[in-house]
Amino acid sequence: MKNNVIPPMTHELSRHWKQPPTSEILIDDEYAVMERTTFERLSEYSATNPTGAYEGKMWRRHDGAFDQRFLAAGGKPVWMLCWYGESEKPDHVSNNYRKIILADEVAA
């Protein structure tokens, strides 16, 4: 499996899911780098995961934003890129995530 590659969405339901092209996102083992405009085109699921789990589906999550103990202890939520990827189990997907870095904020 390729942990740093978001597979193409080929499932028939994927035509209903809107997301930016994967070519606008650079991914390594820890981070996903993208422009703010790409970030804003990702659907947000900070308290749940989207239904319709199929390879290539991406979303953003404000990780920790709904964890009251984490916040009370001074924790700061972080934006994550999440996606469903390949799985070794037939008819399953993997859950993948990376911390998001906004390229236009780093350059500023």
Protein backbone atom coordinates (compact mmCIF):
# COMPACT_ATOMS: atom_id res chain seq x y z
CA MET A 1 0.00 0.00 0.00
CA LYS A 2 1.08 3.54 -0.69
CA ASN A 3 0.58 5.57 2.52
CA ASN A 4 1.45 8.90 0.91
CA VAL A 5 -0.76 8.56 -2.14
CA ILE A 6 -4.46 9.36 -2.19
CA PRO A 7 -6.01 6.91 -4.64
CA PRO A 8 -8.37 8.15 -7.35
CA MET A 9 -12.08 8.01 -6.58
CA THR A 10 -13.53 5.38 -8.88
CA HIS A 11 -16.58 4.27 -6.88
CA GLU A 12 -19.90 5.07 -8.57
CA LEU A 13 -20.98 7.24 -5.62
CA SER A 14 -17.88 9.41 -5.93
CA ARG A 15 -19.51 11.49 -8.64
CA HIS A 16 -21.64 13.08 -5.89
CA TRP A 17 -18.67 14.00 -3.67
CA LYS A 18 -16.94 17.33 -4.33
CA GLN A 19 -13.28 17.74 -3.43
CA PRO A 20 -10.17 19.43 -4.85
CA PRO A 21 -7.84 17.45 -7.12
CA THR A 22 -5.16 15.47 -5.30
CA SER A 23 -2.58 17.17 -7.53
CA GLU A 24 -3.06 20.32 -5.39
CA ILE A 25 -1.82 18.54 -2.24
CA LEU A 26 1.73 17.47 -1.37
CA ILE A 27 1.87 14.61 1.15
CA ASP A 28 4.67 13.01 3.14
CA ASP A 29 4.64 10.73 6.20
CA GLU A 30 3.53 13.53 8.53
CA TYR A 31 2.12 16.51 6.64
CA ALA A 32 -0.18 17.55 3.82
CA VAL A 33 0.76 20.89 2.24
CA MET A 34 -1.86 22.85 0.32
CA GLU A 35 -3.03 26.36 -0.50
CA ARG A 36 -5.89 27.89 1.49
CA THR A 37 -8.19 27.70 -1.56
CA THR A 38 -7.63 23.92 -1.68
CA PHE A 39 -8.24 23.64 2.08
CA GLU A 40 -11.52 25.54 1.78
CA ARG A 41 -12.79 23.16 -0.91
CA LEU A 42 -12.47 20.18 1.44
CA SER A 43 -15.66 19.23 3.28
CA GLU A 44 -15.33 19.49 7.06
CA TYR A 45 -16.05 16.53 9.31
CA SER A 46 -14.59 17.44 12.69
CA ALA A 47 -16.93 15.41 14.91
CA THR A 48 -17.69 12.45 12.61
CA ASN A 49 -16.47 10.69 9.48
CA PRO A 50 -18.34 11.07 6.20
CA THR A 51 -20.59 8.22 5.15
CA GLY A 52 -20.01 6.43 1.88
CA ALA A 53 -16.52 5.10 2.58
CA TYR A 54 -14.65 4.57 -0.67
CA GLU A 55 -11.04 4.96 -1.75
CA GLY A 56 -9.90 8.48 -2.53
CA LYS A 57 -12.57 10.36 -0.56
CA MET A 58 -10.93 13.30 1.29
CA TRP A 59 -12.11 15.73 3.98
CA ARG A 60 -10.67 18.01 6.66
CA ARG A 61 -10.99 17.53 10.39
CA HIS A 62 -10.30 20.04 13.16
CA ASP A 63 -8.81 17.36 15.38
CA GLY A 64 -9.41 17.99 19.08
CA ALA A 65 -11.99 20.74 18.56
CA PHE A 66 -14.73 18.67 20.23
CA ASP A 67 -12.61 17.00 22.94
CA GLN A 68 -13.51 18.92 26.10
CA ARG A 69 -10.79 17.31 28.28
CA PHE A 70 -8.17 18.07 25.64
CA LEU A 71 -9.29 21.70 25.39
CA ALA A 72 -9.57 22.12 29.18
CA ALA A 73 -5.97 20.93 29.51
CA GLY A 74 -4.85 23.70 27.13
CA GLY A 75 -4.73 21.56 23.99
CA LYS A 76 -4.99 23.32 20.64
CA PRO A 77 -6.93 21.67 17.83
CA VAL A 78 -5.02 21.01 14.64
CA TRP A 79 -6.37 20.72 11.07
CA MET A 80 -5.92 17.29 9.53
CA LEU A 81 -6.38 16.05 5.97
CA CYS A 82 -8.21 12.71 6.14
CA TRP A 83 -8.92 10.24 3.37
CA TYR A 84 -10.08 6.71 2.76
CA GLY A 85 -7.36 4.65 1.17
CA GLU A 86 -6.53 1.13 0.12
CA SER A 87 -6.95 -1.75 2.59
CA GLU A 88 -5.54 -5.25 2.67
CA LYS A 89 -9.03 -6.49 3.65
CA PRO A 90 -11.42 -6.96 0.72
CA ASP A 91 -14.36 -4.53 0.71
CA HIS A 92 -12.70 -2.31 3.35
CA VAL A 93 -10.87 1.01 3.27
CA SER A 94 -8.10 2.40 5.46
CA ASN A 95 -8.39 5.68 7.38
CA ASN A 96 -5.45 7.99 6.68
CA TYR A 97 -4.59 11.43 7.99
CA ARG A 98 -1.86 14.08 7.93
CA LYS A 99 -1.44 17.46 9.64
CA ILE A 100 -2.28 20.27 7.26
CA ILE A 101 0.19 23.03 6.47
CA LEU A 102 -1.16 25.95 4.46
CA ALA A 103 1.56 26.88 1.99
CA ASP A 104 0.45 30.48 1.59
CA GLU A 105 0.69 31.05 5.38
CA VAL A 106 4.21 29.58 5.55
CA ALA A 107 5.38 31.86 2.74
CA ALA A 108 3.97 34.97 4.45
